[in-house]
Protein backbone atom coordinates (compact mmCIF):
# COMPACT_ATOMS: atom_id res chain seq x y z
CA MET A 1 -50.17 -17.75 47.01
CA LYS A 2 -46.83 -19.52 46.94
CA LYS A 3 -47.89 -21.39 43.81
CA THR A 4 -49.05 -18.13 42.23
CA MET A 5 -45.71 -16.41 43.01
CA LYS A 6 -43.79 -19.42 41.70
CA TYR A 7 -45.83 -19.39 38.50
CA THR A 8 -45.31 -15.65 38.13
CA LEU A 9 -41.55 -15.99 38.58
CA MET A 10 -41.43 -18.76 36.01
CA LEU A 11 -43.28 -16.59 33.50
CA LEU A 12 -40.92 -13.72 34.23
CA VAL A 13 -37.85 -15.91 33.69
CA LEU A 14 -39.25 -17.28 30.44
CA ALA A 15 -40.05 -13.77 29.24
CA MET A 16 -36.52 -12.62 30.04
CA ILE A 17 -35.04 -15.63 28.20
CA ALA A 18 -37.29 -14.96 25.21
CA ALA A 19 -36.36 -11.30 25.20
CA GLY A 20 -32.69 -12.19 25.46
CA CYS A 21 -32.92 -14.57 22.53
CA GLY A 22 -34.72 -11.93 20.52
CA ASN A 23 -32.10 -9.32 21.31
CA ASN A 24 -29.29 -11.72 20.48
CA LYS A 25 -30.90 -12.54 17.18
CA GLU A 26 -31.32 -8.86 16.35
CA ALA A 27 -27.74 -8.05 17.39
CA GLY A 28 -26.52 -10.95 15.32
CA ASN A 29 -27.65 -9.02 12.25
CA THR A 30 -25.42 -6.09 13.14
CA PRO A 31 -21.72 -5.79 12.39
CA ALA A 32 -20.87 -5.29 16.05
CA ALA A 33 -22.27 -8.67 17.10
CA THR A 34 -20.29 -10.53 14.47
CA GLY A 35 -17.08 -8.70 15.20
CA THR A 36 -17.28 -6.79 11.88
CA GLU A 37 -18.21 -3.33 13.05
CA PRO A 38 -17.38 -0.94 10.17
CA ALA A 39 -14.07 0.89 10.37
CA ALA A 40 -14.75 4.61 10.23
CA ILE A 41 -12.57 6.82 8.00
CA LYS A 42 -12.76 10.40 6.84
CA VAL A 43 -11.65 11.46 3.36
CA ALA A 44 -11.25 15.11 2.40
CA SER A 45 -11.95 16.42 -1.08
CA LEU A 46 -12.93 19.60 -2.91
CA ILE A 47 -15.01 19.43 -6.09
CA PRO A 48 -16.30 17.05 -8.80
CA PRO A 49 -15.31 14.69 -10.26
CA MET A 50 -13.32 13.80 -7.13
CA THR A 51 -16.37 14.12 -4.89
CA ASP A 52 -18.50 12.19 -7.40
CA ILE A 53 -16.02 9.33 -7.37
CA LEU A 54 -16.03 9.20 -3.58
CA GLU A 55 -19.84 9.06 -3.59
CA ILE A 56 -19.68 6.06 -5.94
CA VAL A 57 -17.13 4.35 -3.71
CA LYS A 58 -18.89 5.01 -0.40
CA PRO A 59 -21.59 2.28 -0.60
CA LEU A 60 -19.07 -0.18 -2.05
CA LEU A 61 -16.80 0.39 0.93
CA LYS A 62 -19.75 -0.22 3.23
CA GLU A 63 -19.91 -3.74 1.79
CA ASP A 64 -16.23 -4.10 2.72
CA GLY A 65 -16.84 -3.06 6.31
CA VAL A 66 -15.60 0.50 5.96
CA ASP A 67 -17.79 3.49 6.80
CA MET A 68 -16.39 6.49 4.89
CA GLU A 69 -17.29 10.08 5.67
CA ILE A 70 -16.63 12.52 2.83
CA VAL A 71 -15.37 15.88 4.09
CA ILE A 72 -15.70 18.65 1.50
CA LEU A 73 -13.36 21.57 2.15
CA SER A 74 -13.18 25.01 0.61
CA ASP A 75 -9.61 25.49 -0.64
CA ASN A 76 -6.64 23.52 -1.91
CA VAL A 77 -4.60 23.85 1.30
CA GLN A 78 -7.10 22.55 3.86
CA PRO A 79 -7.21 18.90 2.67
CA ASN A 80 -3.47 18.45 3.20
CA GLU A 81 -3.45 20.38 6.47
CA ALA A 82 -6.31 18.24 7.76
CA LEU A 83 -4.56 15.04 6.69
CA ALA A 84 -1.22 16.02 8.21
CA ASN A 85 -2.98 16.96 11.47
CA LYS A 86 -4.85 13.60 11.52
CA GLU A 87 -8.23 15.31 11.26
CA VAL A 88 -8.94 13.10 8.24
CA ASP A 89 -7.48 9.76 7.18
CA ALA A 90 -6.95 10.45 3.48
CA ASN A 91 -7.65 13.01 0.81
CA PHE A 92 -8.48 12.92 -2.87
CA PHE A 93 -7.92 16.11 -4.82
CA GLN A 94 -4.27 16.43 -5.84
CA HIS A 95 -1.41 15.13 -7.92
CA VAL A 96 1.84 13.81 -6.47
CA PRO A 97 4.04 16.84 -7.31
CA TYR A 98 1.63 19.02 -5.32
CA MET A 99 1.75 16.57 -2.41
CA GLU A 100 5.56 16.50 -2.51
CA GLN A 101 5.72 20.27 -2.51
CA PHE A 102 3.45 20.34 0.55
CA ASN A 103 5.64 17.76 2.33
CA ALA A 104 8.77 19.77 1.56
CA SER A 105 7.30 23.02 2.83
CA LYS A 106 5.58 21.62 5.93
CA GLY A 107 7.82 18.71 6.92
CA SER A 108 4.79 16.42 6.75
CA LYS A 109 4.72 12.78 5.69
CA LEU A 110 1.84 12.49 3.27
CA ALA A 111 2.09 9.49 0.97
CA GLU A 112 0.78 8.43 -2.43
CA VAL A 113 -1.66 5.52 -2.22
CA GLN A 114 -3.45 5.04 -5.56
CA PRO A 115 -3.38 6.98 -8.85
CA VAL A 116 -6.93 7.41 -10.15
CA TYR A 117 -7.17 9.60 -13.25
CA ASP A 118 -5.26 11.95 -15.51
CA ALA A 119 -6.96 15.30 -15.86
CA ILE A 120 -6.21 16.88 -19.23
CA TYR A 121 -4.58 20.23 -18.48
CA GLY A 122 -5.32 23.05 -20.87
CA GLY A 123 -5.15 26.76 -21.59
CA TYR A 124 -8.50 28.52 -22.10
CA SER A 125 -9.52 31.91 -23.40
CA LYS A 126 -12.78 33.82 -23.83
CA ARG A 127 -11.11 36.36 -26.10
CA TYR A 128 -9.26 34.28 -28.67
CA LYS A 129 -10.00 31.22 -30.78
CA ALA A 130 -6.43 30.12 -31.53
CA ILE A 131 -3.18 30.26 -29.61
CA GLY A 132 -1.57 32.22 -32.44
CA ASP A 133 -4.06 35.03 -31.89
CA LEU A 134 -2.60 35.96 -28.49
CA PRO A 135 -1.36 39.55 -28.85
CA GLU A 136 1.88 41.15 -27.72
CA GLY A 137 1.85 41.57 -23.95
CA ALA A 138 -1.07 39.19 -23.38
CA THR A 139 -1.70 38.08 -19.78
CA LEU A 140 -1.31 34.35 -19.07
CA VAL A 141 -2.71 33.10 -15.74
CA MET A 142 -1.71 30.01 -13.77
CA ALA A 143 -2.19 28.61 -10.26
CA ASN A 144 0.26 29.99 -7.71
CA ASP A 145 1.52 26.77 -6.11
CA PRO A 146 5.00 25.65 -7.27
CA SER A 147 3.90 22.39 -8.90
CA ASN A 148 1.22 24.04 -11.03
CA ILE A 149 3.49 26.93 -11.94
CA GLY A 150 5.97 24.42 -13.38
CA ARG A 151 3.18 22.49 -15.06
CA SER A 152 1.79 25.62 -16.71
CA LEU A 153 5.15 26.91 -17.87
CA GLN A 154 5.95 23.52 -19.39
CA MET A 155 2.69 23.63 -21.33
CA PHE A 156 3.37 27.19 -22.51
CA ALA A 157 6.83 26.16 -23.64
CA LYS A 158 5.51 23.12 -25.50
CA ALA A 159 3.09 25.40 -27.36
CA GLY A 160 5.96 27.68 -28.38
CA LEU A 161 4.83 30.66 -26.32
CA ILE A 162 8.07 30.78 -24.32
CA LYS A 163 11.36 28.93 -23.93
CA LEU A 164 12.58 27.55 -20.61
CA LYS A 165 16.03 26.88 -19.24
CA GLU A 166 17.11 23.38 -20.20
CA GLY A 167 16.29 20.85 -17.50
CA ALA A 168 13.89 23.14 -15.60
CA GLY A 169 11.15 20.50 -15.81
CA ILE A 170 8.20 20.63 -13.45
CA GLN A 171 10.22 22.72 -11.00
CA ALA A 172 10.27 25.62 -13.48
CA THR A 173 9.50 29.14 -12.30
CA GLN A 174 9.23 32.42 -14.16
CA ALA A 175 12.94 32.88 -13.47
CA ASP A 176 13.59 29.93 -15.82
CA ILE A 177 12.04 31.65 -18.83
CA THR A 178 14.87 32.26 -21.29
CA GLU A 179 12.81 33.60 -24.19
CA ASN A 180 9.50 35.47 -24.27
CA ALA A 181 9.30 36.89 -27.78
CA LYS A 182 5.83 38.44 -27.41
CA ASN A 183 6.48 39.83 -23.92
CA PHE A 184 3.68 37.88 -22.31
CA LYS A 185 2.78 38.81 -18.74
CA PHE A 186 2.28 36.02 -16.21
CA GLU A 187 -0.09 36.17 -13.26
CA GLU A 188 -0.16 33.60 -10.47
CA VAL A 189 -3.42 33.24 -8.53
CA ASP A 190 -5.00 30.85 -6.05
CA LEU A 191 -6.21 27.63 -7.65
CA LEU A 192 -9.84 28.38 -6.85
CA MET A 193 -9.60 31.77 -8.58
CA LEU A 194 -8.66 30.37 -11.99
CA ALA A 195 -12.18 30.14 -13.41
CA ARG A 196 -12.96 33.72 -12.42
CA MET A 197 -9.87 34.97 -14.22
CA LEU A 198 -11.24 33.98 -17.62
CA ASP A 199 -13.08 37.31 -17.83
CA ASP A 200 -9.94 39.35 -17.14
CA ALA A 201 -7.05 37.43 -18.68
CA ASP A 202 -6.10 36.37 -22.20
CA LEU A 203 -5.26 32.75 -21.37
CA VAL A 204 -5.88 30.71 -18.20
CA ALA A 205 -4.19 27.38 -17.51
CA MET A 206 -6.34 24.97 -15.50
CA THR A 207 -7.49 21.41 -15.04
CA PRO A 208 -10.91 20.15 -16.20
CA ALA A 209 -12.15 20.22 -12.61
CA TYR A 210 -12.23 24.01 -12.83
CA ALA A 211 -13.02 24.32 -16.55
CA SER A 212 -15.95 21.88 -16.60
CA PRO A 213 -18.30 23.95 -14.39
CA LEU A 214 -17.92 26.67 -17.04
CA GLY A 215 -18.98 24.27 -19.77
CA LEU A 216 -15.44 23.97 -21.14
CA THR A 217 -13.62 20.77 -22.08
CA PRO A 218 -9.97 20.41 -23.11
CA LYS A 219 -10.68 18.58 -26.36
CA LYS A 220 -13.27 21.09 -27.55
CA ASP A 221 -12.33 24.41 -25.98
CA ALA A 222 -8.69 24.49 -24.89
CA LEU A 223 -6.33 26.46 -27.12
CA ILE A 224 -3.44 24.31 -25.88
CA THR A 225 -3.10 21.14 -23.80
CA GLU A 226 -0.19 19.34 -22.17
CA GLY A 227 1.22 16.06 -23.47
CA ASP A 228 0.08 12.52 -22.76
CA ASP A 229 3.09 11.91 -20.53
CA SER A 230 1.78 14.06 -17.69
CA GLU A 231 3.23 13.54 -14.22
CA PHE A 232 0.13 15.03 -12.64
CA THR A 233 -2.26 12.12 -12.07
CA ILE A 234 -5.01 12.85 -9.54
CA THR A 235 -4.19 10.50 -6.68
CA LEU A 236 -5.59 9.15 -3.42
CA VAL A 237 -3.24 10.31 -0.66
CA ALA A 238 -2.86 9.19 2.97
CA ARG A 239 -0.03 9.39 5.52
CA GLU A 240 3.02 7.22 5.93
CA ASP A 241 1.60 5.97 9.24
CA ASN A 242 -1.75 4.79 7.85
CA LYS A 243 -1.34 4.21 4.10
CA ASP A 244 -1.06 0.44 4.57
CA SER A 245 -4.01 0.14 6.95
CA ASP A 246 -6.82 -2.22 6.01
CA ALA A 247 -9.39 0.56 5.55
CA ILE A 248 -7.15 2.71 3.35
CA GLN A 249 -6.16 -0.27 1.20
CA LYS A 250 -9.82 -1.20 0.74
CA LEU A 251 -10.49 2.38 -0.32
CA ALA A 252 -7.57 2.21 -2.77
CA LYS A 253 -9.00 -0.95 -4.31
CA ARG A 254 -12.49 0.47 -4.67
CA ILE A 255 -11.36 3.84 -6.02
CA SER A 256 -9.52 2.01 -8.81
CA GLY A 257 -12.30 -0.47 -9.45
CA PRO A 258 -14.55 -1.09 -12.47
CA GLU A 259 -17.35 1.13 -11.16
CA VAL A 260 -15.08 4.17 -11.09
CA LYS A 261 -13.53 3.33 -14.46
CA LYS A 262 -16.98 3.05 -16.02
CA PHE A 263 -18.02 6.36 -14.47
CA LEU A 264 -14.96 8.17 -15.84
CA GLU A 265 -15.37 6.66 -19.30
CA GLU A 266 -19.09 7.45 -19.48
CA GLU A 267 -19.28 10.80 -17.72
CA TYR A 268 -15.84 12.38 -18.06
CA ALA A 269 -14.30 10.88 -21.20
CA ASP A 270 -13.50 14.32 -22.62
CA ILE A 271 -11.62 15.54 -19.60
CA ALA A 272 -10.28 12.62 -17.55
CA LEU A 273 -8.52 9.37 -18.40
CA PRO A 274 -8.45 6.45 -15.92
CA ALA A 275 -4.93 5.88 -14.62
CA PHE A 276 -5.44 2.28 -13.47
């Protein structure tokens, strides 16, 4: 009996050793066992092509040891609120003037990380085929945040629709309009309402992100567009306290990599120009 018990114990020990070796081997194939467990980050965004770009980047980041969760939000305020409140680690939906305006109004410390693409800003109309056809008293619509108000007014001024106070720049407001020969009316609406306004207004200023779902492109359909020297590059944004972290820097590298450039050139050449 003693020999039988001894033999049984030996078998049990060998089985445990074998199991342990098997488990170690299996664990050795996981990031945790090698000390390379993926860093988890959350990135907020809104609509294509921003979300498309993040989907391209996600598996590439996985190769770099970063597990990115894409958080799609429903308006243009939430991504910055979530970032400032540390609910997400970065966001990708905005240009730097918009970010700076948010920082100024909220006292937050969001920070530019990587410019990605220039979205060609344009003015669209369902009612008219040429900018000269706009009638007296026509309604011109623009987004209601300060940076996009200035952007729109600059574009209107460049097209000769209005004149602005000298030096107003991207900080321009309706109060800076010095000449409005055709008595145009200006309506400021939420960014996500722009596309809907095409049915009611004479001209709507918006980026391709909101025009594209309607089948509109700036080169083919816009009555006016802004210049090539735009200050409104769509940019990856983080916070001052995490912008230099390893995970965010890996994201910055991937989001400005050849895969994203190829995607923009092949899928969005008419509406977006790589900024890297």
